[in-house]
Amino acid sequence: MQAWNSRPVPRLPVPEAPTRVRAFDSASQQQVLVGPESGTARLYVCGITPYDATHIGHANTYVAFDLLHRAWRDAGLAVHYVQNVTDVDDPLLERATRDGVDWAELAAEQTQLFREDMEALNVLPPQHYVGVVEAVPLIADLVQGLQQRGLVYAVQDEHPGDLYLDQAADPAFGSLSHLSEADALPVFAERGGDPDRRAKKGPLDSLVWRQQRPGEPAWETAVGTGRPGWHVECSAIALHHLGAGFDVQAGGSDLVFPHHEMSASTARLATGEDFARAYLHSGMVALDGEKMSKSRGNLVFVSALRREGVDPMAVRLALLDHHYRDDWEWTAALLSAAEQRLALWRDAVRLDAGVGGDEVVAQVRTALADDLDAPAALAAVDAWAGASTVVEGDDGYAPQVVARACEALLGITL
């Protein structure tokens, strides 16, 4: 599957000793170094299920981890970035049925809209953008391997032959979310799980292969004619393209459990190694006091804002005005403030000279290395822009340096 295009990223002078990024790892519950000292950093960010794309909650996640991508590149690392698209799954099929449209056409339409929104927001694309439909053979191979080792079993009930992962075989299960079984069960049920299916060995066992139901899409594979479960898809795609023990698995905080926990467990059982070295999660975005979500229907869409004439760079600045791990609320006032900030920055970089730009670059780099602290980075540029527009600066290179840094590090085109 094709990703999207991106603008060229300006190259900034690499400091003699680049500061490595530290970020909060959900598994260890502490800040850790993420990415290697040199060579290639490996990143997997869970993608969308393509309907109701792209709402501000989506954009918040992908802009947040775009900062990590940019910080790694600025430090001289190559970045191998993979993102999936869950282009066949129950919620997508349900939406297509509700709207009376073909599920594949809906997925294609919404995936294209997502591409356009990501390009507008200046999010760097992944090297591998992988739909579940195209990855079915990879996923089936992984499931078959686990089945042959006795780690996957078939249930026998009204839908015989559905395959489940035996979570009891993984002693490290729960090490990411730190939930007890009692606490995990209601979350699993709320987020697409089936803890009450009696034919399962354990209530938290996850579906890895769903045998065909009447009227549903299905693929013929060695593990049956059907389609993959949700969690195993990311295990298979990430292992194929990145290998075990890649640097960062990322996504929204609502994916910690069950999705990331179960994806990691599946991969751990398949390889005997950790799935990822660190797990990073972005906060949730609310609207009118409630979490923005597809189920509630309280969504603000990037495409709608663009149609209204809102500059995508203002939308990106509004997102960056919050630390990526925080939960926050989208408001019209927030967007208005971002538009004013964007105008100030653009006025400052149009000046013939300004105050020292190198200091701003250093401050932005330091902020991003400290758990991707975008608000601190924005404050550094604010201070520079404010000073440059009220004081006659003598650094003729400062506006150009700051503009290049904003593009390279923050993804803000001035």
Protein backbone atom coordinates (compact mmCIF):
# COMPACT_ATOMS: atom_id res chain seq x y z
CA MET A 1 0.00 0.00 0.00
CA GLN A 2 1.28 3.44 -0.89
CA ALA A 3 1.81 5.97 1.91
CA TRP A 4 1.77 9.72 1.25
CA ASN A 5 4.22 12.31 0.00
CA SER A 6 6.25 14.59 2.24
CA ARG A 7 8.07 17.84 1.92
CA PRO A 8 11.88 17.72 1.91
CA VAL A 9 13.22 17.95 5.46
CA PRO A 10 15.86 20.67 5.82
CA ARG A 11 19.18 19.47 7.14
CA LEU A 12 20.47 21.22 10.22
CA PRO A 13 24.10 21.03 11.33
CA VAL A 14 24.40 17.92 13.50
CA PRO A 15 26.00 18.76 16.85
CA GLU A 16 29.20 16.94 17.76
CA ALA A 17 27.36 15.04 20.50
CA PRO A 18 23.64 14.82 19.66
CA THR A 19 21.38 14.47 22.67
CA ARG A 20 19.55 11.15 22.62
CA VAL A 21 15.81 11.20 23.11
CA ARG A 22 14.41 10.05 26.42
CA ALA A 23 10.70 9.21 26.53
CA PHE A 24 8.23 7.68 28.94
CA ASP A 25 7.93 3.93 28.48
CA SER A 26 4.52 2.62 29.48
CA ALA A 27 5.92 -0.82 30.32
CA SER A 28 8.62 0.28 32.77
CA GLN A 29 6.69 3.39 33.85
CA GLN A 30 9.76 5.60 33.56
CA GLN A 31 11.67 7.65 31.06
CA VAL A 32 14.15 5.61 29.04
CA LEU A 33 16.49 6.26 26.15
CA VAL A 34 14.73 5.45 22.89
CA GLY A 35 16.55 4.70 19.70
CA PRO A 36 20.15 3.62 19.13
CA GLU A 37 23.22 5.81 19.45
CA SER A 38 23.90 5.36 15.76
CA GLY A 39 22.58 3.49 12.75
CA THR A 40 18.86 2.86 12.22
CA ALA A 41 16.00 3.48 14.63
CA ARG A 42 12.98 1.22 14.17
CA LEU A 43 9.50 2.60 14.80
CA TYR A 44 6.02 1.08 14.55
CA VAL A 45 2.95 3.28 15.04
CA CYS A 46 -0.45 1.60 14.92
CA GLY A 47 -2.56 2.97 12.07
CA ILE A 48 -6.24 3.69 11.60
CA THR A 49 -9.24 1.55 10.98
CA PRO A 50 -10.36 3.52 7.94
CA TYR A 51 -13.68 5.09 8.74
CA ASP A 52 -14.24 8.53 10.32
CA ALA A 53 -10.76 9.61 9.23
CA THR A 54 -9.00 11.79 10.12
CA HIS A 55 -10.29 13.16 13.41
CA ILE A 56 -8.22 15.31 15.75
CA GLY A 57 -7.58 12.35 18.05
CA HIS A 58 -5.96 10.50 15.15
CA ALA A 59 -3.95 13.57 14.16
CA ASN A 60 -2.75 14.07 17.73
CA THR A 61 -1.13 10.63 17.76
CA TYR A 62 0.56 10.83 14.37
CA VAL A 63 1.85 14.37 14.89
CA ALA A 64 3.20 13.38 18.31
CA PHE A 65 5.28 10.51 17.00
CA ASP A 66 6.29 12.50 13.96
CA LEU A 67 8.30 14.53 16.49
CA LEU A 68 10.18 11.39 17.48
CA HIS A 69 10.81 10.56 13.81
CA ARG A 70 12.18 14.07 13.25
CA ALA A 71 14.29 14.11 16.41
CA TRP A 72 15.91 10.81 15.42
CA ARG A 73 16.65 12.06 11.92
CA ASP A 74 18.06 15.30 13.31
CA ALA A 75 20.42 13.24 15.48
CA GLY A 76 21.82 11.58 12.36
CA LEU A 77 19.88 8.33 12.59
CA ALA A 78 18.18 6.57 9.72
CA VAL A 79 14.58 5.74 10.60
CA HIS A 80 12.77 2.58 9.54
CA TYR A 81 9.14 3.44 10.16
CA VAL A 82 6.20 1.06 9.67
CA GLN A 83 2.49 1.78 10.03
CA ASN A 84 -0.47 -0.51 9.39
CA VAL A 85 -4.01 0.09 8.16
CA THR A 86 -6.73 -2.13 9.61
CA ASP A 87 -8.62 -2.20 6.32
CA VAL A 88 -10.79 -5.16 7.29
CA ASP A 89 -12.28 -5.48 10.77
CA ASP A 90 -15.65 -5.62 12.51
CA PRO A 91 -16.09 -1.84 13.04
CA LEU A 92 -15.32 -1.13 9.38
CA LEU A 93 -17.74 -3.82 8.18
CA GLU A 94 -20.43 -2.55 10.56
CA ARG A 95 -20.01 1.02 9.31
CA ALA A 96 -20.19 -0.09 5.68
CA THR A 97 -23.39 -2.05 6.38
CA ARG A 98 -24.92 0.89 8.22
CA ASP A 99 -24.17 3.27 5.36
CA GLY A 100 -25.06 0.79 2.60
CA VAL A 101 -21.64 0.95 0.93
CA ASP A 102 -19.04 -1.61 -0.07
CA TRP A 103 -16.59 -2.15 2.78
CA ALA A 104 -13.53 -2.18 0.51
CA GLU A 105 -14.58 1.07 -1.17
CA LEU A 106 -15.15 2.68 2.23
CA ALA A 107 -11.70 1.57 3.39
CA ALA A 108 -10.02 2.85 0.24
CA GLU A 109 -11.82 6.19 0.38
CA GLN A 110 -11.03 6.79 4.04
CA THR A 111 -7.42 5.66 3.69
CA GLN A 112 -6.94 8.17 0.88
CA LEU A 113 -8.48 10.91 3.02
CA PHE A 114 -6.06 9.98 5.81
CA ARG A 115 -3.13 10.24 3.38
CA GLU A 116 -4.24 13.70 2.30
CA ASP A 117 -4.61 14.84 5.91
CA MET A 118 -1.20 13.50 6.91
CA GLU A 119 0.41 15.22 3.94
CA ALA A 120 -1.32 18.49 4.82
CA LEU A 121 -0.16 18.21 8.44
CA ASN A 122 3.41 17.57 7.25
CA VAL A 123 3.68 14.17 8.93
CA LEU A 124 6.63 12.20 7.56
CA PRO A 125 5.40 9.00 5.89
CA PRO A 126 6.37 5.46 6.89
CA GLN A 127 8.67 3.41 4.67
CA HIS A 128 6.12 0.60 4.84
CA TYR A 129 2.42 1.43 4.94
CA VAL A 130 0.74 -1.95 5.17
CA GLY A 131 -2.92 -2.85 4.90
CA VAL A 132 -4.19 -5.94 6.70
CA VAL A 133 -5.73 -7.21 3.47
CA GLU A 134 -2.35 -7.31 1.74
CA ALA A 135 -0.74 -8.78 4.87
CA VAL A 136 -3.15 -11.74 5.25
CA PRO A 137 -0.51 -14.28 4.08
CA LEU A 138 2.01 -12.95 6.66
CA ILE A 139 -0.57 -13.08 9.42
CA ALA A 140 -1.75 -16.58 8.51
CA ASP A 141 1.85 -17.83 8.51
CA LEU A 142 2.40 -16.43 12.00
CA VAL A 143 -0.83 -17.99 13.27
CA GLN A 144 0.05 -21.35 11.70
CA GLY A 145 3.47 -21.34 13.35
CA LEU A 146 1.94 -20.66 16.75
CA GLN A 147 -0.70 -23.33 16.17
CA GLN A 148 1.92 -25.93 15.29
CA ARG A 149 3.64 -25.22 18.62
CA GLY A 150 0.41 -25.65 20.58
CA LEU A 151 0.12 -21.94 21.41
CA VAL A 152 -3.03 -21.42 19.35
CA TYR A 153 -6.17 -23.53 19.73
CA ALA A 154 -9.54 -23.84 18.01
CA VAL A 155 -12.81 -23.33 19.84
CA GLN A 156 -15.81 -25.56 19.31
CA ASP A 157 -19.08 -23.73 19.73
CA GLU A 158 -21.57 -22.03 17.43
CA HIS A 159 -18.63 -20.77 15.34
CA PRO A 160 -16.29 -23.78 15.36
CA GLY A 161 -12.72 -23.37 14.25
CA ASP A 162 -12.08 -19.81 15.37
CA LEU A 163 -8.48 -19.69 16.59
CA TYR A 164 -7.30 -18.15 19.84
CA LEU A 165 -3.93 -17.44 21.41
CA ASP A 166 -3.41 -19.24 24.71
CA GLN A 167 -2.38 -16.27 26.86
CA ALA A 168 -1.53 -18.54 29.79
CA ALA A 169 1.53 -19.66 27.81
CA ASP A 170 3.05 -16.19 28.17
CA PRO A 171 4.22 -15.49 31.73
CA ALA A 172 5.00 -11.87 30.76
CA PHE A 173 1.41 -11.13 29.73
CA GLY A 174 0.30 -7.99 31.58
CA SER A 175 3.78 -6.50 31.83
CA LEU A 176 2.83 -3.57 29.59
CA SER A 177 -0.56 -2.55 30.97
CA HIS A 178 0.03 -3.72 34.58
CA LEU A 179 -3.63 -4.66 34.86
CA SER A 180 -4.87 -7.51 37.02
CA GLU A 181 -7.22 -9.97 35.33
CA ALA A 182 -10.14 -8.46 37.24
CA ASP A 183 -9.29 -4.99 35.97
CA ALA A 184 -8.46 -6.18 32.46
CA LEU A 185 -11.71 -8.04 31.79
CA PRO A 186 -14.06 -5.02 31.54
CA VAL A 187 -11.52 -3.11 29.43
CA PHE A 188 -11.19 -6.10 27.10
CA ALA A 189 -14.96 -6.29 26.71
CA GLU A 190 -15.24 -2.54 26.07
CA ARG A 191 -12.49 -2.53 23.44
CA GLY A 192 -13.51 -5.31 21.11
CA GLY A 193 -12.72 -8.41 23.15
CA ASP A 194 -14.93 -11.38 23.96
CA PRO A 195 -14.16 -12.42 27.54
CA ASP A 196 -17.54 -14.15 27.88
CA ARG A 197 -17.04 -16.66 25.08
CA ARG A 198 -17.28 -19.88 27.06
CA ALA A 199 -15.45 -22.14 24.61
CA LYS A 200 -12.20 -20.25 25.22
CA LYS A 201 -9.59 -21.63 27.61
CA GLY A 202 -9.11 -18.26 29.25
CA PRO A 203 -11.30 -15.12 29.19
CA LEU A 204 -8.40 -12.93 28.02
CA ASP A 205 -7.32 -15.21 25.18
CA SER A 206 -7.30 -13.15 22.00
CA LEU A 207 -8.80 -14.08 18.64
CA VAL A 208 -6.09 -14.58 16.03
CA TRP A 209 -8.18 -16.06 13.20
CA ARG A 210 -11.91 -15.72 12.59
CA GLN A 211 -13.38 -18.39 10.35
CA GLN A 212 -15.71 -17.06 7.66
CA ARG A 213 -19.23 -15.98 8.58
CA PRO A 214 -21.97 -15.64 5.94
CA GLY A 215 -21.66 -12.41 4.03
CA GLU A 216 -18.23 -11.51 5.42
CA PRO A 217 -15.01 -11.16 3.42
CA ALA A 218 -12.62 -14.08 3.80
CA TRP A 219 -9.33 -15.42 2.48
CA GLU A 220 -8.28 -19.04 1.96
CA THR A 221 -5.17 -19.82 4.01
CA ALA A 222 -3.49 -22.73 5.76
CA VAL A 223 -5.36 -21.84 8.96
CA GLY A 224 -8.77 -21.74 7.33
CA THR A 225 -10.96 -19.53 5.20
CA GLY A 226 -11.53 -16.36 7.16
CA ARG A 227 -9.74 -13.23 8.30
CA PRO A 228 -7.30 -12.17 11.01
CA GLY A 229 -8.08 -11.02 14.50
CA TRP A 230 -7.10 -7.47 15.37
CA HIS A 231 -4.08 -7.86 17.63
CA VAL A 232 -2.15 -10.44 15.65
CA GLU A 233 -2.06 -8.21 12.56
CA CYS A 234 0.39 -5.75 14.13
CA SER A 235 2.51 -8.59 15.50
CA ALA A 236 2.91 -10.09 12.03
CA ILE A 237 3.46 -6.82 10.16
CA ALA A 238 5.97 -5.45 12.65
CA LEU A 239 7.94 -8.69 12.91
CA HIS A 240 8.11 -9.03 9.14
CA HIS A 241 9.29 -5.50 8.44
CA LEU A 242 11.20 -4.58 11.61
CA GLY A 243 12.07 -7.82 13.39
CA ALA A 244 11.79 -8.47 17.11
CA GLY A 245 13.16 -6.00 19.62
CA PHE A 246 12.56 -2.89 17.53
CA ASP A 247 12.99 0.46 19.24
CA VAL A 248 9.51 1.89 19.76
CA GLN A 249 5.91 0.69 19.51
CA ALA A 250 3.61 3.71 19.66
CA GLY A 251 -0.03 4.68 19.52
CA GLY A 252 -2.82 6.25 21.54
CA SER A 253 -3.16 5.45 25.22
CA ASP A 254 -6.40 3.60 24.49
CA LEU A 255 -4.28 0.96 22.74
CA VAL A 256 -2.20 0.01 25.80
CA PHE A 257 -4.76 -2.67 26.59
CA PRO A 258 -5.76 -4.84 24.97
CA HIS A 259 -4.17 -4.06 21.60
CA HIS A 260 -0.54 -3.39 22.44
CA GLU A 261 -0.48 -5.86 25.31
CA MET A 262 -1.82 -8.66 23.12
CA SER A 263 0.25 -7.77 20.06
CA ALA A 264 3.37 -7.86 22.20
CA SER A 265 2.37 -11.15 23.80
CA THR A 266 1.71 -12.77 20.42
CA ALA A 267 5.09 -11.67 19.10
CA ARG A 268 6.84 -12.74 22.30
CA LEU A 269 5.40 -16.24 22.04
CA ALA A 270 6.32 -16.39 18.36
CA THR A 271 9.95 -15.29 18.75
CA GLY A 272 10.96 -15.75 22.38
CA GLU A 273 12.08 -12.10 22.34
CA ASP A 274 10.59 -8.79 23.40
CA PHE A 275 8.38 -7.26 20.74
CA ALA A 276 9.65 -3.70 21.29
CA ARG A 277 12.18 -2.06 23.58
CA ALA A 278 9.85 0.78 24.58
CA TYR A 279 6.14 1.56 24.35
CA LEU A 280 5.09 5.18 23.91
CA HIS A 281 1.49 6.38 24.13
CA SER A 282 -0.21 9.67 23.34
CA GLY A 283 -3.04 11.11 25.38
CA MET A 284 -6.70 11.33 24.48
CA VAL A 285 -8.40 14.41 23.03
CA ALA A 286 -11.80 15.48 24.33
CA LEU A 287 -14.56 17.64 22.87
CA ASP A 288 -17.24 19.24 25.04
CA GLY A 289 -15.97 17.42 28.09
CA GLU A 290 -15.96 13.91 26.62
CA LYS A 291 -13.21 11.85 24.97
CA MET A 292 -13.34 12.35 21.21
CA SER A 293 -14.29 8.96 19.78
CA LYS A 294 -16.01 7.29 16.86
CA SER A 295 -18.53 5.58 19.12
CA ARG A 296 -19.68 8.89 20.63
CA GLY A 297 -19.62 10.67 17.30
CA ASN A 298 -18.13 13.82 18.85
CA LEU A 299 -15.44 14.26 16.23
CA VAL A 300 -13.59 17.19 14.71
CA PHE A 301 -12.12 16.27 11.34
CA VAL A 302 -8.88 17.59 9.89
CA SER A 303 -10.40 17.50 6.41
CA ALA A 304 -13.36 19.61 7.54
CA LEU A 305 -11.03 22.20 9.05
CA ARG A 306 -9.07 22.28 5.80
CA ARG A 307 -12.26 22.77 3.79
CA GLU A 308 -13.10 25.71 6.05
CA GLY A 309 -9.80 27.31 5.07
CA VAL A 310 -7.89 26.60 8.27
CA ASP A 311 -4.14 26.45 7.66
CA PRO A 312 -2.99 22.88 8.47
CA MET A 313 0.08 24.37 10.13
CA ALA A 314 -2.21 26.07 12.64
CA VAL A 315 -3.88 22.72 13.32
CA ARG A 316 -0.46 21.16 13.84
CA LEU A 317 0.56 23.97 16.20
CA ALA A 318 -2.65 23.48 18.18
CA LEU A 319 -1.77 19.80 18.59
CA LEU A 320 1.82 20.56 19.58
CA ASP A 321 0.67 22.99 22.25
CA HIS A 322 0.09 19.97 24.52
CA HIS A 323 2.54 17.43 25.82
CA TYR A 324 1.93 14.26 23.84
CA ARG A 325 1.14 12.18 26.94
CA ASP A 326 -1.47 14.60 28.29
CA ASP A 327 -5.21 14.30 27.87
CA TRP A 328 -6.69 17.59 26.69
CA GLU A 329 -9.72 19.21 25.09
CA TRP A 330 -10.07 20.67 21.61
CA THR A 331 -11.69 24.13 21.51
CA ALA A 332 -12.17 26.92 19.00
CA ALA A 333 -10.11 29.19 21.27
CA LEU A 334 -7.20 26.76 21.08
CA LEU A 335 -7.24 26.87 17.29
CA SER A 336 -7.51 30.67 17.29
CA ALA A 337 -4.46 30.92 19.55
CA ALA A 338 -2.53 28.60 17.23
CA GLU A 339 -3.41 30.77 14.23
CA GLN A 340 -2.11 33.84 16.08
CA ARG A 341 1.10 32.01 17.01
CA LEU A 342 1.62 30.92 13.41
CA ALA A 343 1.19 34.53 12.20
CA LEU A 344 3.74 35.77 14.77
CA TRP A 345 6.30 33.17 13.76
CA ARG A 346 5.85 33.92 10.08
CA ASP A 347 6.22 37.65 10.68
CA ALA A 348 9.46 37.00 12.57
CA VAL A 349 11.06 34.82 9.90
CA ARG A 350 10.28 37.43 7.21
CA LEU A 351 12.49 39.97 8.96
CA ASP A 352 15.87 40.86 7.48
CA ALA A 353 17.57 39.99 10.77
CA GLY A 354 16.74 38.74 14.23
CA VAL A 355 18.24 37.76 17.53
CA GLY A 356 20.44 34.65 17.69
CA GLY A 357 18.87 31.66 15.96
CA ASP A 358 21.36 28.98 17.00
CA GLU A 359 20.22 29.26 20.61
CA VAL A 360 16.64 28.59 19.54
CA VAL A 361 17.68 25.47 17.64
CA ALA A 362 19.53 24.19 20.71
CA GLN A 363 16.51 24.88 22.95
CA VAL A 364 14.11 23.09 20.61
CA ARG A 365 16.43 20.09 20.38
CA THR A 366 16.75 19.95 24.16
CA ALA A 367 12.97 20.11 24.60
CA LEU A 368 12.31 17.28 22.15
CA ALA A 369 15.00 15.11 23.72
CA ASP A 370 13.17 15.49 27.05
CA ASP A 371 10.17 13.23 26.43
CA LEU A 372 9.17 15.08 23.25
CA ASP A 373 8.30 18.24 25.16
CA ALA A 374 6.63 20.14 22.33
CA PRO A 375 5.20 22.93 24.54
CA ALA A 376 8.71 23.80 25.72
CA ALA A 377 9.92 23.80 22.10
CA LEU A 378 7.08 26.11 21.07
CA ALA A 379 7.84 28.42 23.99
CA ALA A 380 11.44 28.74 22.78
CA VAL A 381 10.30 29.81 19.31
CA ASP A 382 7.68 32.13 20.85
CA ALA A 383 10.37 33.91 22.86
CA TRP A 384 12.59 34.27 19.80
CA ALA A 385 9.75 35.54 17.59
CA GLY A 386 8.56 37.99 20.21
CA ALA A 387 12.06 39.38 20.74
CA SER A 388 12.82 39.55 17.03
CA THR A 389 9.68 41.53 16.24
CA VAL A 390 10.20 44.17 18.97
CA VAL A 391 14.01 44.43 19.07
CA GLU A 392 16.16 45.25 16.07
CA GLY A 393 18.25 42.11 15.76
CA ASP A 394 21.67 41.96 14.17
CA ASP A 395 21.79 38.29 13.14
CA GLY A 396 20.96 38.20 9.45
CA TYR A 397 20.90 34.40 9.43
CA ALA A 398 18.60 33.97 12.43
CA PRO A 399 15.26 34.04 10.56
CA GLN A 400 16.46 31.46 8.05
CA VAL A 401 17.95 29.24 10.77
CA VAL A 402 14.78 29.32 12.85
CA ALA A 403 12.54 28.67 9.85
CA ARG A 404 14.62 25.65 8.87
CA ALA A 405 14.57 24.34 12.46
CA CYS A 406 10.79 24.74 12.73
CA GLU A 407 10.37 22.71 9.55
CA ALA A 408 12.97 20.06 10.37
CA LEU A 409 12.20 19.53 14.06
CA LEU A 410 8.58 20.61 14.56
CA GLY A 411 7.19 20.03 11.06
CA ILE A 412 5.94 23.61 10.93
CA THR A 413 6.36 25.27 7.54
CA LEU A 414 6.83 29.01 7.85
